[in-house]
Amino acid sequence: MNETSHPTSNTPHLLQSPLWGQFKAEFGWEPKVFSSASAQAQVLFRKLPLGFSIAYLPKGPVGKDWACLWGQIDAACKQHRAVFLQVEPDLSEGGLTVELTEQMQGFTVETHTIQPRSTILVNLQADEDELLARMKQKTRYNVRLADKKGVVVRETNDIQGFYDLMQTTGTRDGFAVHDISYYQKAFDIFSPSGACVLLGAFHEEKPLAYLMLFLSGERSWYFYGASDDASRNLMPTYLLQWEAMRWSKAHGATIYDLWGIPDASAEELEEQFTQRSDGLWGVYRFKRGFGGEVVRSVPAFVRVYKPLLYRAYQKIRAGRMAD
């Protein structure tokens, strides 16, 4: 398979790392790794009632000749009585080639993905002045404003403070927040090896915002962020993002993934972001300012083992999305 179709394909995605499997195992998933001479895949199994399960392969497989893996994975899926296997490759939309389609024979295309399909990638292979110059003028102004107003960003292990502001952010922006144990476990598993850092923005020692950043090889990801309601005029989230980029660059990352924007083309995003605030549109308005490139992944691929149960799953999923 041509691995150049994704700009960050030299480094496997964090969701294919052993640490991610260890982390998800704490919350009801069973990770299993399958390998051939030239490819590898970490599949997560989740138990369902009556002895069934679902199988999920996020941001993989890794390497070439994925077709060599499907026999092993099929056998494991049948052993686990999986209703279906969903595969979400770590490839940009331009990577949906004939070759990829051939390697995914026996699968059907599924436009609904579990991970965000669209993101913004910031290329860190430039000096800091150039990175700042690539930002939108207002974003660059807000980064400097926060600094002038005395906002300070530093590493912290204050998961409780982070969680308190996550609840504030979730209420404000209308998204679900995990239990504190989820974030604490992520930090405990990833941070000892330097694969995770929690950055906090403080003003006169008062916490204003937090950002949990993950690192794997040449890639870093902004997965979780939180901020209060009262201090937004100090622009702490802008300085946090800038310091996250600086931290990533200092630790060897060449790509900073802002993770999660509306699933639309770059043209649609630019046409509609000033009018829309639903879903991730407000998030996009913030993230677009940091000078990155919109990247949309290929759709998911699904192999169904229990067609009747899979149709029931699709109806349940459609009902939840409509709520």
C-alpha atoms as a PDB file:
ATOM      1  CA  MET A   1       0.000   0.000   0.000  1.00  0.00           C
ATOM      2  CA  ASN A   2       1.210   3.507  -0.750  1.00  0.00           C
ATOM      3  CA  GLU A   3       1.745   5.039   2.669  1.00  0.00           C
ATOM      4  CA  THR A   4       2.438   8.535   1.354  1.00  0.00           C
ATOM      5  CA  SER A   5      -1.280   9.239   1.026  1.00  0.00           C
ATOM      6  CA  HIS A   6      -1.382  10.457   4.623  1.00  0.00           C
ATOM      7  CA  PRO A   7       0.970  13.259   5.653  1.00  0.00           C
ATOM      8  CA  THR A   8       1.834  11.645   8.989  1.00  0.00           C
ATOM      9  CA  SER A   9       1.980   7.970   8.002  1.00  0.00           C
ATOM     10  CA  ASN A  10       5.593   7.495   9.140  1.00  0.00           C
ATOM     11  CA  THR A  11       4.416   7.485  12.755  1.00  0.00           C
ATOM     12  CA  PRO A  12       1.561   5.143  13.749  1.00  0.00           C
ATOM     13  CA  HIS A  13      -1.437   6.801  15.315  1.00  0.00           C
ATOM     14  CA  LEU A  14      -1.655   6.957  19.105  1.00  0.00           C
ATOM     15  CA  LEU A  15      -4.808   4.801  18.954  1.00  0.00           C
ATOM     16  CA  GLN A  16      -2.698   1.940  17.590  1.00  0.00           C
ATOM     17  CA  SER A  17      -0.150   2.150  20.425  1.00  0.00           C
ATOM     18  CA  PRO A  18       0.177  -0.455  23.204  1.00  0.00           C
ATOM     19  CA  LEU A  19      -0.493   2.276  25.768  1.00  0.00           C
ATOM     20  CA  TRP A  20      -3.855   3.048  24.157  1.00  0.00           C
ATOM     21  CA  GLY A  21      -4.789  -0.628  24.344  1.00  0.00           C
ATOM     22  CA  GLN A  22      -3.755  -0.689  28.002  1.00  0.00           C
ATOM     23  CA  PHE A  23      -5.817   2.427  28.662  1.00  0.00           C
ATOM     24  CA  LYS A  24      -8.970   1.159  26.942  1.00  0.00           C
ATOM     25  CA  ALA A  25      -8.663  -2.168  28.787  1.00  0.00           C
ATOM     26  CA  GLU A  26      -9.414  -0.222  31.974  1.00  0.00           C
ATOM     27  CA  PHE A  27     -12.813   0.722  30.582  1.00  0.00           C
ATOM     28  CA  GLY A  28     -14.326  -2.462  29.243  1.00  0.00           C
ATOM     29  CA  TRP A  29     -12.392  -3.039  26.022  1.00  0.00           C
ATOM     30  CA  GLU A  30     -10.187  -6.050  25.320  1.00  0.00           C
ATOM     31  CA  PRO A  31      -7.226  -5.169  23.059  1.00  0.00           C
ATOM     32  CA  LYS A  32      -5.705  -7.802  20.786  1.00  0.00           C
ATOM     33  CA  VAL A  33      -2.742  -7.302  18.458  1.00  0.00           C
ATOM     34  CA  PHE A  34      -2.438  -9.079  15.114  1.00  0.00           C
ATOM     35  CA  SER A  35       0.665  -9.011  12.952  1.00  0.00           C
ATOM     36  CA  SER A  36       2.181 -10.251   9.730  1.00  0.00           C
ATOM     37  CA  ALA A  37       5.615  -9.725   8.214  1.00  0.00           C
ATOM     38  CA  SER A  38       4.686  -6.241   7.014  1.00  0.00           C
ATOM     39  CA  ALA A  39       1.587  -5.096   8.925  1.00  0.00           C
ATOM     40  CA  GLN A  40       0.098  -4.904  12.392  1.00  0.00           C
ATOM     41  CA  ALA A  41      -3.280  -4.023  13.871  1.00  0.00           C
ATOM     42  CA  GLN A  42      -4.618  -3.489  17.361  1.00  0.00           C
ATOM     43  CA  VAL A  43      -8.295  -4.442  17.544  1.00  0.00           C
ATOM     44  CA  LEU A  44     -10.500  -3.535  20.498  1.00  0.00           C
ATOM     45  CA  PHE A  45     -13.317  -5.890  21.479  1.00  0.00           C
ATOM     46  CA  ARG A  46     -16.285  -4.750  23.564  1.00  0.00           C
ATOM     47  CA  LYS A  47     -18.714  -7.220  25.106  1.00  0.00           C
ATOM     48  CA  LEU A  48     -22.438  -6.942  24.412  1.00  0.00           C
ATOM     49  CA  PRO A  49     -25.328  -8.741  26.122  1.00  0.00           C
ATOM     50  CA  LEU A  50     -25.935 -12.418  25.361  1.00  0.00           C
ATOM     51  CA  GLY A  51     -22.268 -13.131  24.702  1.00  0.00           C
ATOM     52  CA  PHE A  52     -21.920 -10.978  21.587  1.00  0.00           C
ATOM     53  CA  SER A  53     -19.347  -8.242  21.037  1.00  0.00           C
ATOM     54  CA  ILE A  54     -18.267  -5.500  18.674  1.00  0.00           C
ATOM     55  CA  ALA A  55     -14.781  -5.232  17.178  1.00  0.00           C
ATOM     56  CA  TYR A  56     -13.142  -1.901  16.455  1.00  0.00           C
ATOM     57  CA  LEU A  57      -9.859  -1.139  14.708  1.00  0.00           C
ATOM     58  CA  PRO A  58      -9.148   2.605  15.158  1.00  0.00           C
ATOM     59  CA  LYS A  59      -6.637   4.422  12.963  1.00  0.00           C
ATOM     60  CA  GLY A  60      -5.060   1.330  11.479  1.00  0.00           C
ATOM     61  CA  PRO A  61      -3.798  -1.126  10.415  1.00  0.00           C
ATOM     62  CA  VAL A  62      -0.178  -0.013  10.424  1.00  0.00           C
ATOM     63  CA  GLY A  63       2.251  -0.953   7.649  1.00  0.00           C
ATOM     64  CA  LYS A  64       1.602  -2.591   4.266  1.00  0.00           C
ATOM     65  CA  ASP A  65      -0.395  -5.519   2.881  1.00  0.00           C
ATOM     66  CA  TRP A  66      -3.276  -5.313   5.302  1.00  0.00           C
ATOM     67  CA  ALA A  67      -5.019  -8.186   3.533  1.00  0.00           C
ATOM     68  CA  CYS A  68      -2.583 -10.558   5.248  1.00  0.00           C
ATOM     69  CA  LEU A  69      -4.164  -9.660   8.602  1.00  0.00           C
ATOM     70  CA  TRP A  70      -7.840 -10.252   7.882  1.00  0.00           C
ATOM     71  CA  GLY A  71      -7.742 -14.036   8.266  1.00  0.00           C
ATOM     72  CA  GLN A  72      -6.370 -13.757  11.815  1.00  0.00           C
ATOM     73  CA  ILE A  73      -8.744 -10.939  12.699  1.00  0.00           C
ATOM     74  CA  ASP A  74     -11.778 -12.737  11.244  1.00  0.00           C
ATOM     75  CA  ALA A  75     -11.006 -15.807  13.353  1.00  0.00           C
ATOM     76  CA  ALA A  76     -10.764 -13.693  16.504  1.00  0.00           C
ATOM     77  CA  CYS A  77     -13.989 -11.851  15.662  1.00  0.00           C
ATOM     78  CA  LYS A  78     -15.824 -15.141  15.265  1.00  0.00           C
ATOM     79  CA  GLN A  79     -14.353 -16.432  18.513  1.00  0.00           C
ATOM     80  CA  HIS A  80     -15.603 -13.289  20.281  1.00  0.00           C
ATOM     81  CA  ARG A  81     -18.992 -13.572  18.512  1.00  0.00           C
ATOM     82  CA  ALA A  82     -18.532 -10.094  17.060  1.00  0.00           C
ATOM     83  CA  VAL A  83     -21.563  -8.564  15.384  1.00  0.00           C
ATOM     84  CA  PHE A  84     -19.281  -6.528  13.132  1.00  0.00           C
ATOM     85  CA  LEU A  85     -15.740  -5.247  12.718  1.00  0.00           C
ATOM     86  CA  GLN A  86     -15.297  -1.530  12.031  1.00  0.00           C
ATOM     87  CA  VAL A  87     -11.966  -0.362  10.602  1.00  0.00           C
ATOM     88  CA  GLU A  88     -11.034   3.330  10.461  1.00  0.00           C
ATOM     89  CA  PRO A  89      -7.734   3.671   8.546  1.00  0.00           C
ATOM     90  CA  ASP A  90      -5.282   6.439   9.335  1.00  0.00           C
ATOM     91  CA  LEU A  91      -5.377   7.748   5.768  1.00  0.00           C
ATOM     92  CA  SER A  92      -6.470  11.069   4.355  1.00  0.00           C
ATOM     93  CA  GLU A  93      -9.350  11.103   1.893  1.00  0.00           C
ATOM     94  CA  GLY A  94      -6.923  11.221  -1.019  1.00  0.00           C
ATOM     95  CA  GLY A  95      -5.768   7.776   0.091  1.00  0.00           C
ATOM     96  CA  LEU A  96      -9.038   6.094  -0.972  1.00  0.00           C
ATOM     97  CA  THR A  97      -7.327   4.454  -3.930  1.00  0.00           C
ATOM     98  CA  VAL A  98      -8.056   1.357  -5.956  1.00  0.00           C
ATOM     99  CA  GLU A  99      -5.233  -0.306  -4.061  1.00  0.00           C
ATOM    100  CA  LEU A 100      -6.852   0.474  -0.715  1.00  0.00           C
ATOM    101  CA  THR A 101     -10.205  -0.814  -1.947  1.00  0.00           C
ATOM    102  CA  GLU A 102      -8.557  -4.061  -3.036  1.00  0.00           C
ATOM    103  CA  GLN A 103      -6.985  -4.511   0.367  1.00  0.00           C
ATOM    104  CA  MET A 104     -10.380  -3.990   2.012  1.00  0.00           C
ATOM    105  CA  GLN A 105     -12.235  -6.633  -0.006  1.00  0.00           C
ATOM    106  CA  GLY A 106     -15.102  -8.154   1.938  1.00  0.00           C
ATOM    107  CA  PHE A 107     -15.784  -4.833   3.681  1.00  0.00           C
ATOM    108  CA  THR A 108     -18.454  -2.247   2.954  1.00  0.00           C
ATOM    109  CA  VAL A 109     -17.888   1.484   3.179  1.00  0.00           C
ATOM    110  CA  GLU A 110     -19.455   3.151   6.239  1.00  0.00           C
ATOM    111  CA  THR A 111     -19.564   6.956   6.343  1.00  0.00           C
ATOM    112  CA  HIS A 112     -20.316   7.010  10.097  1.00  0.00           C
ATOM    113  CA  THR A 113     -17.022   6.949  12.016  1.00  0.00           C
ATOM    114  CA  ILE A 114     -16.415   6.602  15.728  1.00  0.00           C
ATOM    115  CA  GLN A 115     -13.411   8.952  15.702  1.00  0.00           C
ATOM    116  CA  PRO A 116     -13.776  12.449  14.226  1.00  0.00           C
ATOM    117  CA  ARG A 117     -13.313  12.153  10.496  1.00  0.00           C
ATOM    118  CA  SER A 118     -12.003  15.691   9.982  1.00  0.00           C
ATOM    119  CA  THR A 119      -9.235  17.504  11.802  1.00  0.00           C
ATOM    120  CA  ILE A 120      -6.699  20.312  11.458  1.00  0.00           C
ATOM    121  CA  LEU A 121      -3.001  19.450  11.271  1.00  0.00           C
ATOM    122  CA  VAL A 122      -0.363  22.055  12.088  1.00  0.00           C
ATOM    123  CA  ASN A 123       3.036  21.462  10.501  1.00  0.00           C
ATOM    124  CA  LEU A 124       5.619  22.194  13.225  1.00  0.00           C
ATOM    125  CA  GLN A 125       8.620  22.064  10.855  1.00  0.00           C
ATOM    126  CA  ALA A 126       9.260  25.786  11.054  1.00  0.00           C
ATOM    127  CA  ASP A 127      10.703  28.209  13.579  1.00  0.00           C
ATOM    128  CA  GLU A 128       8.422  29.859  16.106  1.00  0.00           C
ATOM    129  CA  ASP A 129       8.241  33.163  14.247  1.00  0.00           C
ATOM    130  CA  GLU A 130       7.000  31.382  11.133  1.00  0.00           C
ATOM    131  CA  LEU A 131       4.468  29.314  13.122  1.00  0.00           C
ATOM    132  CA  LEU A 132       3.072  32.523  14.588  1.00  0.00           C
ATOM    133  CA  ALA A 133       3.048  34.184  11.173  1.00  0.00           C
ATOM    134  CA  ARG A 134       0.926  31.348   9.752  1.00  0.00           C
ATOM    135  CA  MET A 135      -1.811  31.968  12.326  1.00  0.00           C
ATOM    136  CA  LYS A 136      -4.812  34.147  11.649  1.00  0.00           C
ATOM    137  CA  GLN A 137      -4.105  37.715  12.760  1.00  0.00           C
ATOM    138  CA  LYS A 138      -6.734  37.628  15.524  1.00  0.00           C
ATOM    139  CA  THR A 139      -5.430  34.316  16.904  1.00  0.00           C
ATOM    140  CA  ARG A 140      -1.854  35.590  16.953  1.00  0.00           C
ATOM    141  CA  TYR A 141      -3.082  38.764  18.702  1.00  0.00           C
ATOM    142  CA  ASN A 142      -4.907  36.710  21.350  1.00  0.00           C
ATOM    143  CA  VAL A 143      -1.827  34.548  22.017  1.00  0.00           C
ATOM    144  CA  ARG A 144       0.211  37.680  22.696  1.00  0.00           C
ATOM    145  CA  LEU A 145      -2.608  39.336  24.640  1.00  0.00           C
ATOM    146  CA  ALA A 146      -2.796  36.448  27.110  1.00  0.00           C
ATOM    147  CA  ASP A 147       0.944  36.688  27.653  1.00  0.00           C
ATOM    148  CA  LYS A 148       0.789  40.476  28.170  1.00  0.00           C
ATOM    149  CA  LYS A 149      -2.032  40.102  30.684  1.00  0.00           C
ATOM    150  CA  GLY A 150       0.116  37.810  32.808  1.00  0.00           C
ATOM    151  CA  VAL A 151      -1.310  34.409  31.906  1.00  0.00           C
ATOM    152  CA  VAL A 152       1.298  31.723  32.600  1.00  0.00           C
ATOM    153  CA  VAL A 153       1.263  28.183  31.150  1.00  0.00           C
ATOM    154  CA  ARG A 154       3.027  25.356  32.960  1.00  0.00           C
ATOM    155  CA  GLU A 155       2.940  21.596  33.329  1.00  0.00           C
ATOM    156  CA  THR A 156       0.738  20.287  36.131  1.00  0.00           C
ATOM    157  CA  ASN A 157      -0.700  17.045  37.490  1.00  0.00           C
ATOM    158  CA  ASP A 158      -3.881  18.660  38.801  1.00  0.00           C
ATOM    159  CA  ILE A 159      -6.401  16.263  37.281  1.00  0.00           C
ATOM    160  CA  GLN A 160      -9.070  17.389  39.767  1.00  0.00           C
ATOM    161  CA  GLY A 161      -8.722  21.016  38.666  1.00  0.00           C
ATOM    162  CA  PHE A 162      -8.788  19.895  35.032  1.00  0.00           C
ATOM    163  CA  TYR A 163     -11.912  17.820  35.666  1.00  0.00           C
ATOM    164  CA  ASP A 164     -13.710  20.681  37.444  1.00  0.00           C
ATOM    165  CA  LEU A 165     -13.203  22.890  34.400  1.00  0.00           C
ATOM    166  CA  MET A 166     -14.109  20.028  32.049  1.00  0.00           C
ATOM    167  CA  GLN A 167     -17.542  19.953  33.667  1.00  0.00           C
ATOM    168  CA  THR A 168     -17.867  23.711  33.168  1.00  0.00           C
ATOM    169  CA  THR A 169     -16.824  23.391  29.533  1.00  0.00           C
ATOM    170  CA  GLY A 170     -19.125  20.429  28.888  1.00  0.00           C
ATOM    171  CA  THR A 171     -22.109  22.333  30.248  1.00  0.00           C
ATOM    172  CA  ARG A 172     -21.237  25.432  28.237  1.00  0.00           C
ATOM    173  CA  ASP A 173     -20.519  23.688  24.935  1.00  0.00           C
ATOM    174  CA  GLY A 174     -23.017  20.826  25.229  1.00  0.00           C
ATOM    175  CA  PHE A 175     -20.796  17.729  25.179  1.00  0.00           C
ATOM    176  CA  ALA A 176     -20.587  14.739  27.502  1.00  0.00           C
ATOM    177  CA  VAL A 177     -17.755  14.537  30.020  1.00  0.00           C
ATOM    178  CA  HIS A 178     -16.197  11.260  31.183  1.00  0.00           C
ATOM    179  CA  ASP A 179     -15.890  10.427  34.853  1.00  0.00           C
ATOM    180  CA  ILE A 180     -12.732  11.801  36.468  1.00  0.00           C
ATOM    181  CA  SER A 181     -11.306   8.284  36.614  1.00  0.00           C
ATOM    182  CA  TYR A 182     -11.096   8.263  32.804  1.00  0.00           C
ATOM    183  CA  TYR A 183      -8.822  11.293  32.630  1.00  0.00           C
ATOM    184  CA  GLN A 184      -6.820  10.234  35.665  1.00  0.00           C
ATOM    185  CA  LYS A 185      -6.162   6.800  34.180  1.00  0.00           C
ATOM    186  CA  ALA A 186      -5.129   8.310  30.836  1.00  0.00           C
ATOM    187  CA  PHE A 187      -2.661  10.568  32.612  1.00  0.00           C
ATOM    188  CA  ASP A 188      -1.346   7.775  34.838  1.00  0.00           C
ATOM    189  CA  ILE A 189      -0.750   5.408  31.903  1.00  0.00           C
ATOM    190  CA  PHE A 190       0.711   7.823  29.346  1.00  0.00           C
ATOM    191  CA  SER A 191       2.589  10.439  31.354  1.00  0.00           C
ATOM    192  CA  PRO A 192       5.346   8.270  32.945  1.00  0.00           C
ATOM    193  CA  SER A 193       6.877   7.645  29.507  1.00  0.00           C
ATOM    194  CA  GLY A 194       6.442  11.245  28.370  1.00  0.00           C
ATOM    195  CA  ALA A 195       3.528  10.361  26.096  1.00  0.00           C
ATOM    196  CA  CYS A 196       1.114  12.724  27.850  1.00  0.00           C
ATOM    197  CA  VAL A 197       1.351  16.118  29.516  1.00  0.00           C
ATOM    198  CA  LEU A 198      -1.276  18.235  31.247  1.00  0.00           C
ATOM    199  CA  LEU A 199      -0.735  21.936  30.665  1.00  0.00           C
ATOM    200  CA  GLY A 200      -2.492  24.548  32.752  1.00  0.00           C
ATOM    201  CA  ALA A 201      -2.999  28.264  32.133  1.00  0.00           C
ATOM    202  CA  PHE A 202      -2.896  30.327  35.332  1.00  0.00           C
ATOM    203  CA  HIS A 203      -3.380  33.969  36.212  1.00  0.00           C
ATOM    204  CA  GLU A 204      -2.164  35.018  39.643  1.00  0.00           C
ATOM    205  CA  GLU A 205      -2.127  31.281  40.452  1.00  0.00           C
ATOM    206  CA  LYS A 206      -5.798  30.874  39.573  1.00  0.00           C
ATOM    207  CA  PRO A 207      -6.384  28.065  37.032  1.00  0.00           C
ATOM    208  CA  LEU A 208      -8.159  29.370  33.942  1.00  0.00           C
ATOM    209  CA  ALA A 209      -7.821  26.502  31.457  1.00  0.00           C
ATOM    210  CA  TYR A 210      -6.211  23.104  30.940  1.00  0.00           C
ATOM    211  CA  LEU A 211      -5.090  21.077  27.930  1.00  0.00           C
ATOM    212  CA  MET A 212      -4.233  17.358  27.892  1.00  0.00           C
ATOM    213  CA  LEU A 213      -1.741  16.605  25.147  1.00  0.00           C
ATOM    214  CA  PHE A 214      -0.573  13.215  23.853  1.00  0.00           C
ATOM    215  CA  LEU A 215       2.649  12.415  22.018  1.00  0.00           C
ATOM    216  CA  SER A 216       3.748   9.445  19.901  1.00  0.00           C
ATOM    217  CA  GLY A 217       6.852   9.676  17.763  1.00  0.00           C
ATOM    218  CA  GLU A 218       6.585  12.612  15.378  1.00  0.00           C
ATOM    219  CA  ARG A 219       2.933  13.319  16.138  1.00  0.00           C
ATOM    220  CA  SER A 220       1.078  15.014  18.975  1.00  0.00           C
ATOM    221  CA  TRP A 221      -2.660  15.268  19.639  1.00  0.00           C
ATOM    222  CA  TYR A 222      -4.856  17.734  21.475  1.00  0.00           C
ATOM    223  CA  PHE A 223      -7.546  15.423  22.810  1.00  0.00           C
ATOM    224  CA  TYR A 224      -9.019  17.180  25.862  1.00  0.00           C
ATOM    225  CA  GLY A 225      -9.327  20.819  26.814  1.00  0.00           C
ATOM    226  CA  ALA A 226     -11.200  22.779  29.483  1.00  0.00           C
ATOM    227  CA  SER A 227     -11.662  26.417  30.449  1.00  0.00           C
ATOM    228  CA  ASP A 228     -13.686  28.519  32.862  1.00  0.00           C
ATOM    229  CA  ASP A 229     -16.413  30.996  31.937  1.00  0.00           C
ATOM    230  CA  ALA A 230     -15.255  34.047  33.859  1.00  0.00           C
ATOM    231  CA  SER A 231     -11.763  34.634  32.443  1.00  0.00           C
ATOM    232  CA  ARG A 232     -12.234  34.262  28.706  1.00  0.00           C
ATOM    233  CA  ASN A 233     -11.215  37.899  28.198  1.00  0.00           C
ATOM    234  CA  LEU A 234      -7.678  36.861  29.228  1.00  0.00           C
ATOM    235  CA  MET A 235      -7.520  34.485  26.234  1.00  0.00           C
ATOM    236  CA  PRO A 236      -5.930  31.582  28.161  1.00  0.00           C
ATOM    237  CA  THR A 237      -6.943  28.905  25.630  1.00  0.00           C
ATOM    238  CA  TYR A 238      -5.025  30.657  22.849  1.00  0.00           C
ATOM    239  CA  LEU A 239      -1.806  30.746  24.842  1.00  0.00           C
ATOM    240  CA  LEU A 240      -2.382  27.134  25.891  1.00  0.00           C
ATOM    241  CA  GLN A 241      -2.550  25.981  22.283  1.00  0.00           C
ATOM    242  CA  TRP A 242       0.592  27.903  21.427  1.00  0.00           C
ATOM    243  CA  GLU A 243       2.481  26.418  24.368  1.00  0.00           C
ATOM    244  CA  ALA A 244       1.192  22.953  23.431  1.00  0.00           C
ATOM    245  CA  MET A 245       2.692  23.425  19.983  1.00  0.00           C
ATOM    246  CA  ARG A 246       5.973  24.611  21.473  1.00  0.00           C
ATOM    247  CA  TRP A 247       6.038  21.637  23.871  1.00  0.00           C
ATOM    248  CA  SER A 248       5.279  19.234  21.014  1.00  0.00           C
ATOM    249  CA  LYS A 249       8.011  20.702  18.829  1.00  0.00           C
ATOM    250  CA  ALA A 250      10.540  20.556  21.683  1.00  0.00           C
ATOM    251  CA  HIS A 251       9.731  16.870  22.196  1.00  0.00           C
ATOM    252  CA  GLY A 252      10.252  15.871  18.563  1.00  0.00           C
ATOM    253  CA  ALA A 253       6.792  16.241  17.027  1.00  0.00           C
ATOM    254  CA  THR A 254       6.538  17.554  13.487  1.00  0.00           C
ATOM    255  CA  ILE A 255       2.724  17.445  13.315  1.00  0.00           C
ATOM    256  CA  TYR A 256       0.261  18.850  15.868  1.00  0.00           C
ATOM    257  CA  ASP A 257      -3.241  17.395  15.502  1.00  0.00           C
ATOM    258  CA  LEU A 258      -6.027  19.675  16.766  1.00  0.00           C
ATOM    259  CA  TRP A 259      -8.440  16.705  16.594  1.00  0.00           C
ATOM    260  CA  GLY A 260     -12.071  17.054  15.789  1.00  0.00           C
ATOM    261  CA  ILE A 261     -13.875  19.604  13.596  1.00  0.00           C
ATOM    262  CA  PRO A 262     -17.164  19.399  11.644  1.00  0.00           C
ATOM    263  CA  ASP A 263     -17.157  16.700   8.982  1.00  0.00           C
ATOM    264  CA  ALA A 264     -17.298  18.964   5.960  1.00  0.00           C
ATOM    265  CA  SER A 265     -15.061  19.998   3.097  1.00  0.00           C
ATOM    266  CA  ALA A 266     -12.609  22.835   3.583  1.00  0.00           C
ATOM    267  CA  GLU A 267     -14.775  24.974   1.291  1.00  0.00           C
ATOM    268  CA  GLU A 268     -17.944  24.294   3.312  1.00  0.00           C
ATOM    269  CA  LEU A 269     -16.143  25.006   6.560  1.00  0.00           C
ATOM    270  CA  GLU A 270     -15.003  28.411   5.380  1.00  0.00           C
ATOM    271  CA  GLU A 271     -18.386  29.267   3.888  1.00  0.00           C
ATOM    272  CA  GLN A 272     -20.422  28.377   6.977  1.00  0.00           C
ATOM    273  CA  PHE A 273     -18.332  28.833  10.123  1.00  0.00           C
ATOM    274  CA  THR A 274     -19.427  32.430  10.711  1.00  0.00           C
ATOM    275  CA  GLN A 275     -23.118  31.461  10.635  1.00  0.00           C
ATOM    276  CA  ARG A 276     -23.083  28.185  12.556  1.00  0.00           C
ATOM    277  CA  SER A 277     -22.405  27.343  16.191  1.00  0.00           C
ATOM    278  CA  ASP A 278     -23.999  23.888  16.465  1.00  0.00           C
ATOM    279  CA  GLY A 279     -21.963  20.742  17.067  1.00  0.00           C
ATOM    280  CA  LEU A 280     -18.265  21.311  16.425  1.00  0.00           C
ATOM    281  CA  TRP A 281     -18.704  24.520  14.448  1.00  0.00           C
ATOM    282  CA  GLY A 282     -17.720  26.741  17.375  1.00  0.00           C
ATOM    283  CA  VAL A 283     -14.697  24.536  17.902  1.00  0.00           C
ATOM    284  CA  TYR A 284     -13.715  24.971  14.264  1.00  0.00           C
ATOM    285  CA  ARG A 285     -13.954  28.741  14.544  1.00  0.00           C
ATOM    286  CA  PHE A 286     -11.334  28.574  17.319  1.00  0.00           C
ATOM    287  CA  LYS A 287      -9.060  25.927  15.816  1.00  0.00           C
ATOM    288  CA  ARG A 288      -8.897  27.365  12.282  1.00  0.00           C
ATOM    289  CA  GLY A 289      -6.920  30.307  13.597  1.00  0.00           C
ATOM    290  CA  PHE A 290      -3.767  28.333  14.375  1.00  0.00           C
ATOM    291  CA  GLY A 291      -2.525  28.027  10.819  1.00  0.00           C
ATOM    292  CA  GLY A 292      -3.130  24.352  10.107  1.00  0.00           C
ATOM    293  CA  GLU A 293      -4.502  22.360   7.198  1.00  0.00           C
ATOM    294  CA  VAL A 294      -7.932  20.727   7.151  1.00  0.00           C
ATOM    295  CA  VAL A 295      -7.543  16.966   6.628  1.00  0.00           C
ATOM    296  CA  ARG A 296     -10.453  14.557   6.162  1.00  0.00           C
ATOM    297  CA  SER A 297      -9.917  10.835   6.654  1.00  0.00           C
ATOM    298  CA  VAL A 298     -11.231   8.091   4.426  1.00  0.00           C
ATOM    299  CA  PRO A 299     -14.561   6.609   5.565  1.00  0.00           C
ATOM    300  CA  ALA A 300     -14.771   3.572   7.777  1.00  0.00           C
ATOM    301  CA  PHE A 301     -14.916   0.007   6.464  1.00  0.00           C
ATOM    302  CA  VAL A 302     -17.248  -2.529   8.042  1.00  0.00           C
ATOM    303  CA  ARG A 303     -17.313  -6.315   7.889  1.00  0.00           C
ATOM    304  CA  VAL A 304     -20.600  -7.716   9.200  1.00  0.00           C
ATOM    305  CA  TYR A 305     -20.782 -11.143  10.856  1.00  0.00           C
ATOM    306  CA  LYS A 306     -24.341 -10.959  12.277  1.00  0.00           C
ATOM    307  CA  PRO A 307     -26.490  -9.055   9.741  1.00  0.00           C
ATOM    308  CA  LEU A 308     -29.717  -8.964  11.760  1.00  0.00           C
ATOM    309  CA  LEU A 309     -27.986  -7.712  14.886  1.00  0.00           C
ATOM    310  CA  TYR A 310     -26.016  -5.195  12.864  1.00  0.00           C
ATOM    311  CA  ARG A 311     -29.202  -3.726  11.406  1.00  0.00           C
ATOM    312  CA  ALA A 312     -30.567  -3.409  14.939  1.00  0.00           C
ATOM    313  CA  TYR A 313     -27.348  -1.646  15.978  1.00  0.00           C
ATOM    314  CA  GLN A 314     -27.695   0.782  13.055  1.00  0.00           C
ATOM    315  CA  LYS A 315     -31.269   1.652  14.086  1.00  0.00           C
ATOM    316  CA  ILE A 316     -30.199   2.275  17.684  1.00  0.00           C
ATOM    317  CA  ARG A 317     -27.305   4.436  16.522  1.00  0.00           C
ATOM    318  CA  ALA A 318     -29.547   6.447  14.197  1.00  0.00           C
ATOM    319  CA  GLY A 319     -31.985   7.039  17.057  1.00  0.00           C
ATOM    320  CA  ARG A 320     -29.235   8.330  19.314  1.00  0.00           C
ATOM    321  CA  MET A 321     -27.920  10.661  16.646  1.00  0.00           C
ATOM    322  CA  ALA A 322     -31.411  12.084  16.151  1.00  0.00           C
ATOM    323  CA  ASP A 323     -31.830  12.895  19.863  1.00  0.00           C
END
